[in-house]
PDB file of all heavy atoms in Angstrom:
ATOM      1  N   PHE A   1      92.626 112.540 131.299  1.00  0.00           N
ATOM      2  CA  PHE A   1      92.026 111.210 131.405  1.00  0.00           C
ATOM      3  C   PHE A   1      92.315 110.414 130.158  1.00  0.00           C
ATOM      4  O   PHE A   1      92.040 110.853 129.035  1.00  0.00           O
ATOM      5  CB  PHE A   1      90.518 111.291 131.606  1.00  0.00           C
ATOM      6  CG  PHE A   1      89.826 109.953 131.489  1.00  0.00           C
ATOM      7  CD1 PHE A   1      89.949 109.011 132.499  1.00  0.00           C
ATOM      8  CD2 PHE A   1      89.093 109.631 130.352  1.00  0.00           C
ATOM      9  CE1 PHE A   1      89.330 107.765 132.383  1.00  0.00           C
ATOM     10  CE2 PHE A   1      88.473 108.403 130.231  1.00  0.00           C
ATOM     11  CZ  PHE A   1      88.592 107.472 131.262  1.00  0.00           C
ATOM     12  N   LEU A   2      92.913 109.227 130.307  1.00  0.00           N
ATOM     13  CA  LEU A   2      93.183 108.350 129.186  1.00  0.00           C
ATOM     14  C   LEU A   2      92.379 107.063 129.349  1.00  0.00           C
ATOM     15  O   LEU A   2      92.441 106.415 130.401  1.00  0.00           O
ATOM     16  CB  LEU A   2      94.672 108.021 129.113  1.00  0.00           C
ATOM     17  CG  LEU A   2      95.609 109.236 128.904  1.00  0.00           C
ATOM     18  CD1 LEU A   2      97.062 108.782 128.897  1.00  0.00           C
ATOM     19  CD2 LEU A   2      95.269 109.975 127.624  1.00  0.00           C
ATOM     20  N   PRO A   3      91.610 106.665 128.334  1.00  0.00           N
ATOM     21  CA  PRO A   3      90.745 105.496 128.447  1.00  0.00           C
ATOM     22  C   PRO A   3      91.502 104.171 128.449  1.00  0.00           C
ATOM     23  O   PRO A   3      90.915 103.120 128.705  1.00  0.00           O
ATOM     24  CB  PRO A   3      89.844 105.609 127.226  1.00  0.00           C
ATOM     25  CG  PRO A   3      90.653 106.388 126.232  1.00  0.00           C
ATOM     26  CD  PRO A   3      91.455 107.352 127.049  1.00  0.00           C
ATOM     27  N   VAL A   4      92.790 104.228 128.122  1.00  0.00           N
ATOM     28  CA  VAL A   4      93.638 103.027 128.140  1.00  0.00           C
ATOM     29  C   VAL A   4      94.833 103.339 129.019  1.00  0.00           C
ATOM     30  O   VAL A   4      95.542 104.327 128.818  1.00  0.00           O
ATOM     31  CB  VAL A   4      94.102 102.651 126.723  1.00  0.00           C
ATOM     32  CG1 VAL A   4      95.041 101.446 126.780  1.00  0.00           C
ATOM     33  CG2 VAL A   4      92.905 102.373 125.807  1.00  0.00           C
ATOM     34  N   SER A   5      95.083 102.490 130.013  1.00  0.00           N
ATOM     35  CA  SER A   5      96.149 102.746 130.969  1.00  0.00           C
ATOM     36  C   SER A   5      97.498 102.221 130.478  1.00  0.00           C
ATOM     37  O   SER A   5      97.577 101.397 129.555  1.00  0.00           O
ATOM     38  CB  SER A   5      95.825 102.089 132.315  1.00  0.00           C
ATOM     39  OG  SER A   5      95.896 100.675 132.202  1.00  0.00           O
ATOM     40  N   LYS A   6      98.551 102.666 131.125  1.00  0.00           N
ATOM     41  CA  LYS A   6      99.905 102.186 130.830  1.00  0.00           C
ATOM     42  C   LYS A   6      99.995 100.695 131.095  1.00  0.00           C
ATOM     43  O   LYS A   6     100.610  99.946 130.317  1.00  0.00           O
ATOM     44  CB  LYS A   6     100.913 102.947 131.691  1.00  0.00           C
ATOM     45  CG  LYS A   6     102.368 102.654 131.381  1.00  0.00           C
ATOM     46  CD  LYS A   6     103.290 103.542 132.199  1.00  0.00           C
ATOM     47  CE  LYS A   6     104.750 103.352 131.828  1.00  0.00           C
ATOM     48  NZ  LYS A   6     105.648 104.278 132.597  1.00  0.00           N
ATOM     49  N   ALA A   7      99.376 100.250 132.174  1.00  0.00           N
ATOM     50  CA  ALA A   7      99.391  98.812 132.502  1.00  0.00           C
ATOM     51  C   ALA A   7      98.679  98.005 131.435  1.00  0.00           C
ATOM     52  O   ALA A   7      99.140  96.906 131.064  1.00  0.00           O
ATOM     53  CB  ALA A   7      98.744  98.588 133.869  1.00  0.00           C
ATOM     54  N   GLN A   8      97.574  98.505 130.916  1.00  0.00           N
ATOM     55  CA  GLN A   8      96.855  97.783 129.873  1.00  0.00           C
ATOM     56  C   GLN A   8      97.691  97.651 128.605  1.00  0.00           C
ATOM     57  O   GLN A   8      97.684  96.607 127.941  1.00  0.00           O
ATOM     58  CB  GLN A   8      95.534  98.501 129.554  1.00  0.00           C
ATOM     59  CG  GLN A   8      94.469  98.324 130.618  1.00  0.00           C
ATOM     60  CD  GLN A   8      93.213  99.127 130.298  1.00  0.00           C
ATOM     61  OE1 GLN A   8      93.281 100.320 129.943  1.00  0.00           O
ATOM     62  NE2 GLN A   8      92.059  98.484 130.394  1.00  0.00           N
ATOM     63  N   LEU A   9      98.408  98.711 128.255  1.00  0.00           N
ATOM     64  CA  LEU A   9      99.281  98.644 127.078  1.00  0.00           C
ATOM     65  C   LEU A   9     100.396  97.626 127.279  1.00  0.00           C
ATOM     66  O   LEU A   9     100.716  96.850 126.364  1.00  0.00           O
ATOM     67  CB  LEU A   9      99.860 100.017 126.762  1.00  0.00           C
ATOM     68  CG  LEU A   9      98.892 101.091 126.255  1.00  0.00           C
ATOM     69  CD1 LEU A   9      99.651 102.351 125.885  1.00  0.00           C
ATOM     70  CD2 LEU A   9      98.083 100.599 125.057  1.00  0.00           C
ATOM     71  N   SER A  10     100.987  97.621 128.453  1.00  0.00           N
ATOM     72  CA  SER A  10     102.058  96.657 128.734  1.00  0.00           C
ATOM     73  C   SER A  10     101.521  95.234 128.706  1.00  0.00           C
ATOM     74  O   SER A  10     102.178  94.326 128.180  1.00  0.00           O
ATOM     75  CB  SER A  10     102.688  96.960 130.098  1.00  0.00           C
ATOM     76  OG  SER A  10     103.340  98.217 130.100  1.00  0.00           O
ATOM     77  N   GLN A  11     100.326  95.026 129.241  1.00  0.00           N
ATOM     78  CA  GLN A  11      99.717  93.704 129.214  1.00  0.00           C
ATOM     79  C   GLN A  11      99.426  93.247 127.778  1.00  0.00           C
ATOM     80  O   GLN A  11      99.641  92.091 127.430  1.00  0.00           O
ATOM     81  CB  GLN A  11      98.419  93.727 130.037  1.00  0.00           C
ATOM     82  CG  GLN A  11      98.647  93.855 131.527  1.00  0.00           C
ATOM     83  CD  GLN A  11      97.391  94.226 132.283  1.00  0.00           C
ATOM     84  OE1 GLN A  11      96.308  94.385 131.706  1.00  0.00           O
ATOM     85  NE2 GLN A  11      97.518  94.390 133.596  1.00  0.00           N
ATOM     86  N   THR A  12      98.945  94.186 126.958  1.00  0.00           N
ATOM     87  CA  THR A  12      98.671  93.871 125.557  1.00  0.00           C
ATOM     88  C   THR A  12      99.935  93.482 124.820  1.00  0.00           C
ATOM     89  O   THR A  12      99.957  92.509 124.065  1.00  0.00           O
ATOM     90  CB  THR A  12      97.996  95.061 124.858  1.00  0.00           C
ATOM     91  OG1 THR A  12      96.750  95.344 125.497  1.00  0.00           O
ATOM     92  CG2 THR A  12      97.745  94.774 123.382  1.00  0.00           C
ATOM     93  N   GLN A  13     100.995  94.232 125.058  1.00  0.00           N
ATOM     94  CA  GLN A  13     102.276  93.928 124.412  1.00  0.00           C
ATOM     95  C   GLN A  13     102.760  92.529 124.777  1.00  0.00           C
ATOM     96  O   GLN A  13     103.201  91.767 123.925  1.00  0.00           O
ATOM     97  CB  GLN A  13     103.312  94.974 124.776  1.00  0.00           C
ATOM     98  CG  GLN A  13     104.639  94.810 124.031  1.00  0.00           C
ATOM     99  CD  GLN A  13     105.609  95.929 124.339  1.00  0.00           C
ATOM    100  OE1 GLN A  13     105.749  96.349 125.483  1.00  0.00           O
ATOM    101  NE2 GLN A  13     106.295  96.422 123.313  1.00  0.00           N
ATOM    102  N   GLN A  14     102.657  92.200 126.033  1.00  0.00           N
ATOM    103  CA  GLN A  14     103.064  90.867 126.491  1.00  0.00           C
ATOM    104  C   GLN A  14     102.168  89.787 125.886  1.00  0.00           C
ATOM    105  O   GLN A  14     102.646  88.700 125.529  1.00  0.00           O
ATOM    106  CB  GLN A  14     103.006  90.815 128.021  1.00  0.00           C
ATOM    107  CG  GLN A  14     103.521  89.517 128.623  1.00  0.00           C
ATOM    108  CD  GLN A  14     103.524  89.546 130.147  1.00  0.00           C
ATOM    109  OE1 GLN A  14     102.979  90.448 130.759  1.00  0.00           O
ATOM    110  NE2 GLN A  14     104.162  88.560 130.758  1.00  0.00           N
ATOM    111  N   LEU A  15     100.894  90.092 125.756  1.00  0.00           N
ATOM    112  CA  LEU A  15      99.926  89.126 125.248  1.00  0.00           C
ATOM    113  C   LEU A  15     100.165  88.777 123.777  1.00  0.00           C
ATOM    114  O   LEU A  15     100.114  87.613 123.395  1.00  0.00           O
ATOM    115  CB  LEU A  15      98.506  89.710 125.412  1.00  0.00           C
ATOM    116  CG  LEU A  15      97.320  88.812 125.069  1.00  0.00           C
ATOM    117  CD1 LEU A  15      97.188  87.669 126.074  1.00  0.00           C
ATOM    118  CD2 LEU A  15      96.024  89.633 125.029  1.00  0.00           C
ATOM    119  N   ILE A  16     100.452  89.800 122.977  1.00  0.00           N
ATOM    120  CA  ILE A  16     100.526  89.565 121.537  1.00  0.00           C
ATOM    121  C   ILE A  16     101.939  89.279 121.020  1.00  0.00           C
ATOM    122  O   ILE A  16     102.102  88.788 119.902  1.00  0.00           O
ATOM    123  CB  ILE A  16      99.914  90.735 120.735  1.00  0.00           C
ATOM    124  CG1 ILE A  16     100.819  91.972 120.769  1.00  0.00           C
ATOM    125  CG2 ILE A  16      98.509  91.048 121.217  1.00  0.00           C
ATOM    126  CD1 ILE A  16     100.348  93.103 119.856  1.00  0.00           C
ATOM    127  N   SER A  17     102.952  89.579 121.824  1.00  0.00           N
ATOM    128  CA  SER A  17     104.323  89.479 121.331  1.00  0.00           C
ATOM    129  C   SER A  17     104.714  88.108 120.769  1.00  0.00           C
ATOM    130  O   SER A  17     105.494  88.040 119.811  1.00  0.00           O
ATOM    131  CB  SER A  17     105.315  89.924 122.408  1.00  0.00           C
ATOM    132  OG  SER A  17     105.225  89.109 123.554  1.00  0.00           O
ATOM    133  N   PRO A  18     104.185  86.985 121.310  1.00  0.00           N
ATOM    134  CA  PRO A  18     104.574  85.704 120.720  1.00  0.00           C
ATOM    135  C   PRO A  18     103.975  85.489 119.317  1.00  0.00           C
ATOM    136  O   PRO A  18     104.392  84.558 118.611  1.00  0.00           O
ATOM    137  CB  PRO A  18     104.002  84.667 121.710  1.00  0.00           C
ATOM    138  CG  PRO A  18     103.769  85.423 122.974  1.00  0.00           C
ATOM    139  CD  PRO A  18     103.384  86.791 122.536  1.00  0.00           C
ATOM    140  N   HIS A  19     103.024  86.320 118.919  1.00  0.00           N
ATOM    141  CA  HIS A  19     102.274  86.081 117.687  1.00  0.00           C
ATOM    142  C   HIS A  19     102.574  87.083 116.581  1.00  0.00           C
ATOM    143  O   HIS A  19     102.036  86.967 115.480  1.00  0.00           O
ATOM    144  CB  HIS A  19     100.775  86.108 117.991  1.00  0.00           C
ATOM    145  CG  HIS A  19     100.353  85.182 119.085  1.00  0.00           C
ATOM    146  ND1 HIS A  19     100.203  83.825 118.902  1.00  0.00           N
ATOM    147  CD2 HIS A  19     100.097  85.424 120.403  1.00  0.00           C
ATOM    148  CE1 HIS A  19      99.850  83.268 120.052  1.00  0.00           C
ATOM    149  NE2 HIS A  19      99.782  84.207 120.972  1.00  0.00           N
ATOM    150  N   ILE A  20     103.411  88.061 116.855  1.00  0.00           N
ATOM    151  CA  ILE A  20     103.731  89.087 115.869  1.00  0.00           C
ATOM    152  C   ILE A  20     105.249  89.231 115.724  1.00  0.00           C
ATOM    153  O   ILE A  20     106.003  88.661 116.523  1.00  0.00           O
ATOM    154  CB  ILE A  20     103.128  90.448 116.244  1.00  0.00           C
ATOM    155  CG1 ILE A  20     103.734  90.966 117.550  1.00  0.00           C
ATOM    156  CG2 ILE A  20     101.602  90.375 116.352  1.00  0.00           C
ATOM    157  CD1 ILE A  20     103.436  92.408 117.870  1.00  0.00           C
ATOM    158  N   HIS A  21     105.682  89.996 114.733  1.00  0.00           N
ATOM    159  CA  HIS A  21     107.092  90.328 114.597  1.00  0.00           C
ATOM    160  C   HIS A  21     107.395  91.620 115.362  1.00  0.00           C
ATOM    161  O   HIS A  21     106.588  92.552 115.352  1.00  0.00           O
ATOM    162  CB  HIS A  21     107.478  90.544 113.143  1.00  0.00           C
ATOM    163  CG  HIS A  21     107.342  89.332 112.272  1.00  0.00           C
ATOM    164  ND1 HIS A  21     107.642  88.065 112.713  1.00  0.00           N
ATOM    165  CD2 HIS A  21     106.919  89.205 110.986  1.00  0.00           C
ATOM    166  CE1 HIS A  21     107.438  87.203 111.735  1.00  0.00           C
ATOM    167  NE2 HIS A  21     106.987  87.869 110.685  1.00  0.00           N
ATOM    168  N   LYS A  22     108.553  91.656 116.008  1.00  0.00           N
ATOM    169  CA  LYS A  22     109.069  92.939 116.484  1.00  0.00           C
ATOM    170  C   LYS A  22     109.802  93.537 115.296  1.00  0.00           C
ATOM    171  O   LYS A  22     110.913  93.152 114.954  1.00  0.00           O
ATOM    172  CB  LYS A  22     110.026  92.753 117.662  1.00  0.00           C
ATOM    173  CG  LYS A  22     110.554  94.072 118.195  1.00  0.00           C
ATOM    174  CD  LYS A  22     111.539  93.881 119.347  1.00  0.00           C
ATOM    175  CE  LYS A  22     112.060  95.242 119.826  1.00  0.00           C
ATOM    176  NZ  LYS A  22     113.067  95.082 120.907  1.00  0.00           N
ATOM    177  N   THR A  23     109.182  94.483 114.644  1.00  0.00           N
ATOM    178  CA  THR A  23     109.692  95.004 113.374  1.00  0.00           C
ATOM    179  C   THR A  23     110.923  95.876 113.585  1.00  0.00           C
ATOM    180  O   THR A  23     111.061  96.543 114.608  1.00  0.00           O
ATOM    181  CB  THR A  23     108.605  95.800 112.638  1.00  0.00           C
ATOM    182  OG1 THR A  23     108.066  96.796 113.519  1.00  0.00           O
ATOM    183  CG2 THR A  23     107.495  94.888 112.174  1.00  0.00           C
ATOM    184  N   PRO A  24     111.796  95.903 112.591  1.00  0.00           N
ATOM    185  CA  PRO A  24     113.038  96.686 112.738  1.00  0.00           C
ATOM    186  C   PRO A  24     112.809  98.179 112.583  1.00  0.00           C
ATOM    187  O   PRO A  24     111.838  98.623 111.987  1.00  0.00           O
ATOM    188  CB  PRO A  24     113.911  96.153 111.594  1.00  0.00           C
ATOM    189  CG  PRO A  24     112.940  95.680 110.556  1.00  0.00           C
ATOM    190  CD  PRO A  24     111.778  95.140 111.332  1.00  0.00           C
ATOM    191  N   VAL A  25     113.729  98.938 113.148  1.00  0.00           N
ATOM    192  CA  VAL A  25     113.806 100.382 112.933  1.00  0.00           C
ATOM    193  C   VAL A  25     115.017 100.621 112.036  1.00  0.00           C
ATOM    194  O   VAL A  25     116.130 100.208 112.368  1.00  0.00           O
ATOM    195  CB  VAL A  25     113.968 101.152 114.261  1.00  0.00           C
ATOM    196  CG1 VAL A  25     114.142 102.652 114.003  1.00  0.00           C
ATOM    197  CG2 VAL A  25     112.765 100.904 115.165  1.00  0.00           C
ATOM    198  N   VAL A  26     114.810 101.268 110.885  1.00  0.00           N
ATOM    199  CA  VAL A  26     115.901 101.489 109.956  1.00  0.00           C
ATOM    200  C   VAL A  26     116.167 102.986 109.798  1.00  0.00           C
ATOM    201  O   VAL A  26     115.287 103.817 110.063  1.00  0.00           O
ATOM    202  CB  VAL A  26     115.620 100.867 108.574  1.00  0.00           C
ATOM    203  CG1 VAL A  26     115.363  99.374 108.702  1.00  0.00           C
ATOM    204  CG2 VAL A  26     114.467 101.559 107.881  1.00  0.00           C
ATOM    205  N   THR A  27     117.384 103.290 109.391  1.00  0.00           N
ATOM    206  CA  THR A  27     117.771 104.672 109.145  1.00  0.00           C
ATOM    207  C   THR A  27     118.418 104.786 107.779  1.00  0.00           C
ATOM    208  O   THR A  27     118.825 103.764 107.189  1.00  0.00           O
ATOM    209  CB  THR A  27     118.756 105.187 110.208  1.00  0.00           C
ATOM    210  OG1 THR A  27     119.925 104.354 110.195  1.00  0.00           O
ATOM    211  CG2 THR A  27     118.133 105.160 111.594  1.00  0.00           C
ATOM    212  N   SER A  28     118.510 106.001 107.270  1.00  0.00           N
ATOM    213  CA  SER A  28     119.150 106.253 105.986  1.00  0.00           C
ATOM    214  C   SER A  28     119.905 107.569 106.067  1.00  0.00           C
ATOM    215  O   SER A  28     119.295 108.620 106.312  1.00  0.00           O
ATOM    216  CB  SER A  28     118.112 106.309 104.860  1.00  0.00           C
ATOM    217  OG  SER A  28     118.644 106.896 103.687  1.00  0.00           O
ATOM    218  N   ARG A  29     121.208 107.508 105.855  1.00  0.00           N
ATOM    219  CA  ARG A  29     122.010 108.732 105.918  1.00  0.00           C
ATOM    220  C   ARG A  29     121.549 109.732 104.873  1.00  0.00           C
ATOM    221  O   ARG A  29     121.460 110.938 105.130  1.00  0.00           O
ATOM    222  CB  ARG A  29     123.481 108.380 105.702  1.00  0.00           C
ATOM    223  CG  ARG A  29     124.436 109.567 105.862  1.00  0.00           C
ATOM    224  CD  ARG A  29     125.884 109.134 105.649  1.00  0.00           C
ATOM    225  NE  ARG A  29     126.249 108.068 106.570  1.00  0.00           N
ATOM    226  CZ  ARG A  29     127.421 107.417 106.521  1.00  0.00           C
ATOM    227  NH1 ARG A  29     128.298 107.723 105.572  1.00  0.00           N
ATOM    228  NH2 ARG A  29     127.696 106.472 107.394  1.00  0.00           N
ATOM    229  N   MET A  30     121.223 109.222 103.668  1.00  0.00           N
ATOM    230  CA  MET A  30     120.811 110.132 102.598  1.00  0.00           C
ATOM    231  C   MET A  30     119.473 110.806 102.927  1.00  0.00           C
ATOM    232  O   MET A  30     119.308 112.012 102.713  1.00  0.00           O
ATOM    233  CB  MET A  30     120.687 109.333 101.285  1.00  0.00           C
ATOM    234  CG  MET A  30     120.254 110.159 100.091  1.00  0.00           C
ATOM    235  SD  MET A  30     118.447 110.183  99.929  1.00  0.00           S
ATOM    236  CE  MET A  30     118.291 111.364  98.587  1.00  0.00           C
ATOM    237  N   LEU A  31     118.526 110.042 103.463  1.00  0.00           N
ATOM    238  CA  LEU A  31     117.235 110.642 103.817  1.00  0.00           C
ATOM    239  C   LEU A  31     117.383 111.620 104.985  1.00  0.00           C
ATOM    240  O   LEU A  31     116.689 112.632 105.046  1.00  0.00           O
ATOM    241  CB  LEU A  31     116.220 109.539 104.150  1.00  0.00           C
ATOM    242  CG  LEU A  31     115.811 108.657 102.964  1.00  0.00           C
ATOM    243  CD1 LEU A  31     114.853 107.554 103.430  1.00  0.00           C
ATOM    244  CD2 LEU A  31     115.171 109.471 101.856  1.00  0.00           C
ATOM    245  N   ASN A  32     118.288 111.317 105.898  1.00  0.00           N
ATOM    246  CA  ASN A  32     118.573 112.267 106.989  1.00  0.00           C
ATOM    247  C   ASN A  32     119.105 113.582 106.427  1.00  0.00           C
ATOM    248  O   ASN A  32     118.688 114.674 106.855  1.00  0.00           O
ATOM    249  CB  ASN A  32     119.613 111.684 107.951  1.00  0.00           C
ATOM    250  CG  ASN A  32     119.045 110.624 108.880  1.00  0.00           C
ATOM    251  OD1 ASN A  32     117.828 110.411 108.903  1.00  0.00           O
ATOM    252  ND2 ASN A  32     119.908 109.955 109.621  1.00  0.00           N
TER     253      ASN A  32
END
């Protein structure tokens, strides 16, 4: 049982996306 559904998460993402940054994912060969 999960108190937050997949649909609720998708709705939240759609709701807030105009107001936040989609932050980058970075990698580092040395850290790898």
